[in-house]
Amino acid sequence: MLVIKLSCKSGNTFSCVAIVDSGADNCVFPASFAGALGLDLLQMKSNLTGGVGSTANVTHFDTIEIDFGAGPFEVYAGFTAGMDLHGIGLLGQAGFFDRFDVMFSHKTGQFHINLPDPAP
């Protein structure tokens, strides 16, 4: 798990906890997080997604920024009511694993994120 900060174009920010989840296709957050960011779910593009306890979750997508202390980066992220009961986000393949190399150690129960080298 990571403590992260979400932000959107309006300048609103929201801090939360997210699981680094190699099984998640996308970065996905509870629908309530969209409200905290000032995003309007009805104005966002939506798709039906699977996982998170159901095969037909309506998931609304928009571009946001995520920061876990390595500098903010843009992500096309989903927001779904299917995550509201969990109260945490998922950092998935598109948006997180396609940017960072992550190493999991089952033996120690830890993970390590390799950050890109800073630009000269």
C-alpha atoms as a PDB file:
ATOM      1  CA  MET A   1       0.000   0.000   0.000  1.00  0.00           C
ATOM      2  CA  LEU A   2       1.042   3.566  -0.678  1.00  0.00           C
ATOM      3  CA  VAL A   3      -0.218   6.887   0.626  1.00  0.00           C
ATOM      4  CA  ILE A   4      -0.850   8.991  -2.460  1.00  0.00           C
ATOM      5  CA  LYS A   5      -2.205  12.395  -3.389  1.00  0.00           C
ATOM      6  CA  LEU A   6      -4.702  12.741  -6.221  1.00  0.00           C
ATOM      7  CA  SER A   7      -5.276  16.044  -7.968  1.00  0.00           C
ATOM      8  CA  CYS A   8      -7.253  17.260 -10.961  1.00  0.00           C
ATOM      9  CA  LYS A   9      -7.301  20.181 -13.385  1.00  0.00           C
ATOM     10  CA  SER A  10      -9.462  22.270 -11.053  1.00  0.00           C
ATOM     11  CA  GLY A  11      -6.673  22.223  -8.471  1.00  0.00           C
ATOM     12  CA  ASN A  12      -8.575  20.096  -5.963  1.00  0.00           C
ATOM     13  CA  THR A  13      -6.504  17.471  -4.148  1.00  0.00           C
ATOM     14  CA  PHE A  14      -7.330  14.390  -2.118  1.00  0.00           C
ATOM     15  CA  SER A  15      -5.010  12.131  -0.108  1.00  0.00           C
ATOM     16  CA  CYS A  16      -5.755   8.425   0.138  1.00  0.00           C
ATOM     17  CA  VAL A  17      -4.297   4.942   0.332  1.00  0.00           C
ATOM     18  CA  ALA A  18      -3.861   2.782  -2.764  1.00  0.00           C
ATOM     19  CA  ILE A  19      -2.811  -0.824  -3.289  1.00  0.00           C
ATOM     20  CA  VAL A  20      -0.084  -1.507  -5.845  1.00  0.00           C
ATOM     21  CA  ASP A  21      -2.072  -4.166  -7.732  1.00  0.00           C
ATOM     22  CA  SER A  22      -0.427  -5.989 -10.639  1.00  0.00           C
ATOM     23  CA  GLY A  23      -3.772  -7.688 -11.352  1.00  0.00           C
ATOM     24  CA  ALA A  24      -5.612  -4.413 -11.972  1.00  0.00           C
ATOM     25  CA  ASP A  25      -5.805  -3.312 -15.606  1.00  0.00           C
ATOM     26  CA  ASN A  26      -6.138   0.378 -14.708  1.00  0.00           C
ATOM     27  CA  CYS A  27      -5.726   2.753 -11.812  1.00  0.00           C
ATOM     28  CA  VAL A  28      -9.173   2.747 -10.202  1.00  0.00           C
ATOM     29  CA  PHE A  29     -10.595   4.612  -7.229  1.00  0.00           C
ATOM     30  CA  PRO A  30     -13.882   4.782  -5.326  1.00  0.00           C
ATOM     31  CA  ALA A  31     -16.513   7.000  -6.964  1.00  0.00           C
ATOM     32  CA  SER A  32     -16.596   9.061  -3.765  1.00  0.00           C
ATOM     33  CA  PHE A  33     -12.985  10.129  -4.469  1.00  0.00           C
ATOM     34  CA  ALA A  34     -14.164  11.773  -7.709  1.00  0.00           C
ATOM     35  CA  GLY A  35     -16.591  13.867  -5.680  1.00  0.00           C
ATOM     36  CA  ALA A  36     -13.813  14.856  -3.266  1.00  0.00           C
ATOM     37  CA  LEU A  37     -11.790  16.026  -6.274  1.00  0.00           C
ATOM     38  CA  GLY A  38     -14.746  18.015  -7.611  1.00  0.00           C
ATOM     39  CA  LEU A  39     -15.179  15.765 -10.657  1.00  0.00           C
ATOM     40  CA  ASP A  40     -18.677  15.185 -12.029  1.00  0.00           C
ATOM     41  CA  LEU A  41     -19.171  11.487 -12.807  1.00  0.00           C
ATOM     42  CA  LEU A  42     -22.006  12.334 -15.209  1.00  0.00           C
ATOM     43  CA  GLN A  43     -19.618  14.398 -17.353  1.00  0.00           C
ATOM     44  CA  MET A  44     -16.979  11.661 -17.554  1.00  0.00           C
ATOM     45  CA  LYS A  45     -16.620   8.888 -20.136  1.00  0.00           C
ATOM     46  CA  SER A  46     -17.745   5.532 -18.755  1.00  0.00           C
ATOM     47  CA  ASN A  47     -17.275   1.825 -19.429  1.00  0.00           C
ATOM     48  CA  LEU A  48     -18.397  -1.406 -17.842  1.00  0.00           C
ATOM     49  CA  THR A  49     -15.456  -3.050 -16.097  1.00  0.00           C
ATOM     50  CA  GLY A  50     -14.966  -6.354 -14.305  1.00  0.00           C
ATOM     51  CA  GLY A  51     -13.372  -7.111 -10.979  1.00  0.00           C
ATOM     52  CA  VAL A  52     -13.870  -5.372  -7.650  1.00  0.00           C
ATOM     53  CA  GLY A  53     -16.604  -7.842  -6.719  1.00  0.00           C
ATOM     54  CA  SER A  54     -18.623  -7.695  -9.952  1.00  0.00           C
ATOM     55  CA  THR A  55     -18.427  -8.215 -13.689  1.00  0.00           C
ATOM     56  CA  ALA A  56     -20.433  -5.104 -14.570  1.00  0.00           C
ATOM     57  CA  ASN A  57     -19.095  -2.098 -12.681  1.00  0.00           C
ATOM     58  CA  VAL A  58     -19.886   1.247 -14.279  1.00  0.00           C
ATOM     59  CA  THR A  59     -16.519   2.978 -14.199  1.00  0.00           C
ATOM     60  CA  HIS A  60     -16.107   6.663 -15.047  1.00  0.00           C
ATOM     61  CA  PHE A  61     -12.737   7.821 -16.450  1.00  0.00           C
ATOM     62  CA  ASP A  62     -10.853  11.113 -16.434  1.00  0.00           C
ATOM     63  CA  THR A  63      -7.263  12.330 -16.428  1.00  0.00           C
ATOM     64  CA  ILE A  64      -5.907  13.079 -12.958  1.00  0.00           C
ATOM     65  CA  GLU A  65      -2.484  13.415 -11.358  1.00  0.00           C
ATOM     66  CA  ILE A  66      -1.089  10.967  -8.818  1.00  0.00           C
ATOM     67  CA  ASP A  67       1.844  11.675  -6.525  1.00  0.00           C
ATOM     68  CA  PHE A  68       3.382   9.198  -4.075  1.00  0.00           C
ATOM     69  CA  GLY A  69       6.431  11.337  -3.319  1.00  0.00           C
ATOM     70  CA  ALA A  70       8.300  10.829  -6.594  1.00  0.00           C
ATOM     71  CA  GLY A  71       6.681  13.782  -8.348  1.00  0.00           C
ATOM     72  CA  PRO A  72       3.209  13.955  -9.894  1.00  0.00           C
ATOM     73  CA  PHE A  73       2.325  12.065 -13.063  1.00  0.00           C
ATOM     74  CA  GLU A  74      -0.835  12.085 -15.195  1.00  0.00           C
ATOM     75  CA  VAL A  75      -3.059   9.020 -15.304  1.00  0.00           C
ATOM     76  CA  TYR A  76      -6.289   8.231 -17.130  1.00  0.00           C
ATOM     77  CA  ALA A  77      -8.001   6.761 -14.056  1.00  0.00           C
ATOM     78  CA  GLY A  78     -11.335   5.172 -13.313  1.00  0.00           C
ATOM     79  CA  PHE A  79     -13.819   5.896 -10.541  1.00  0.00           C
ATOM     80  CA  THR A  80     -16.458   3.330  -9.617  1.00  0.00           C
ATOM     81  CA  ALA A  81     -19.044   2.858  -6.881  1.00  0.00           C
ATOM     82  CA  GLY A  82     -17.821  -0.758  -6.717  1.00  0.00           C
ATOM     83  CA  MET A  83     -14.772   0.542  -4.838  1.00  0.00           C
ATOM     84  CA  ASP A  84     -16.672   2.738  -2.372  1.00  0.00           C
ATOM     85  CA  LEU A  85     -17.021  -0.033   0.232  1.00  0.00           C
ATOM     86  CA  HIS A  86     -13.268  -0.606   0.157  1.00  0.00           C
ATOM     87  CA  GLY A  87     -12.286   3.064   0.548  1.00  0.00           C
ATOM     88  CA  ILE A  88      -8.921   2.576  -1.166  1.00  0.00           C
ATOM     89  CA  GLY A  89      -7.588   2.878  -4.693  1.00  0.00           C
ATOM     90  CA  LEU A  90      -5.820   0.425  -6.974  1.00  0.00           C
ATOM     91  CA  LEU A  91      -2.670   1.316  -8.897  1.00  0.00           C
ATOM     92  CA  GLY A  92      -2.791  -0.950 -11.939  1.00  0.00           C
ATOM     93  CA  GLN A  93      -1.081  -1.825 -15.211  1.00  0.00           C
ATOM     94  CA  ALA A  94      -2.149   1.210 -17.283  1.00  0.00           C
ATOM     95  CA  GLY A  95      -0.955   4.304 -15.480  1.00  0.00           C
ATOM     96  CA  PHE A  96       1.355   2.763 -12.874  1.00  0.00           C
ATOM     97  CA  PHE A  97       3.119  -0.439 -13.941  1.00  0.00           C
ATOM     98  CA  ASP A  98       3.653   0.984 -17.435  1.00  0.00           C
ATOM     99  CA  ARG A  99       5.629   3.834 -15.790  1.00  0.00           C
ATOM    100  CA  PHE A 100       7.494   2.154 -12.926  1.00  0.00           C
ATOM    101  CA  ASP A 101       9.345  -1.107 -12.459  1.00  0.00           C
ATOM    102  CA  VAL A 102       7.979  -2.787  -9.350  1.00  0.00           C
ATOM    103  CA  MET A 103       9.556  -5.762  -7.578  1.00  0.00           C
ATOM    104  CA  PHE A 104       7.523  -7.850  -5.135  1.00  0.00           C
ATOM    105  CA  SER A 105       9.096 -10.155  -2.549  1.00  0.00           C
ATOM    106  CA  HIS A 106       6.636 -12.776  -1.380  1.00  0.00           C
ATOM    107  CA  LYS A 107       9.251 -13.964   1.119  1.00  0.00           C
ATOM    108  CA  THR A 108       9.473 -10.603   2.944  1.00  0.00           C
ATOM    109  CA  GLY A 109       6.005  -9.250   2.121  1.00  0.00           C
ATOM    110  CA  GLN A 110       7.548  -6.082   0.700  1.00  0.00           C
ATOM    111  CA  PHE A 111       7.768  -4.361  -2.653  1.00  0.00           C
ATOM    112  CA  HIS A 112      10.185  -1.907  -4.204  1.00  0.00           C
ATOM    113  CA  ILE A 113       9.467   0.738  -6.852  1.00  0.00           C
ATOM    114  CA  ASN A 114      12.372   1.629  -9.126  1.00  0.00           C
ATOM    115  CA  LEU A 115      12.080   5.315  -9.892  1.00  0.00           C
ATOM    116  CA  PRO A 116      13.287   6.636 -13.236  1.00  0.00           C
ATOM    117  CA  ASP A 117      16.596   8.491 -13.205  1.00  0.00           C
ATOM    118  CA  PRO A 118      16.055  12.260 -12.952  1.00  0.00           C
ATOM    119  CA  ALA A 119      16.665  14.222 -16.122  1.00  0.00           C
ATOM    120  CA  PRO A 120      20.136  15.865 -16.243  1.00  0.00           C
END
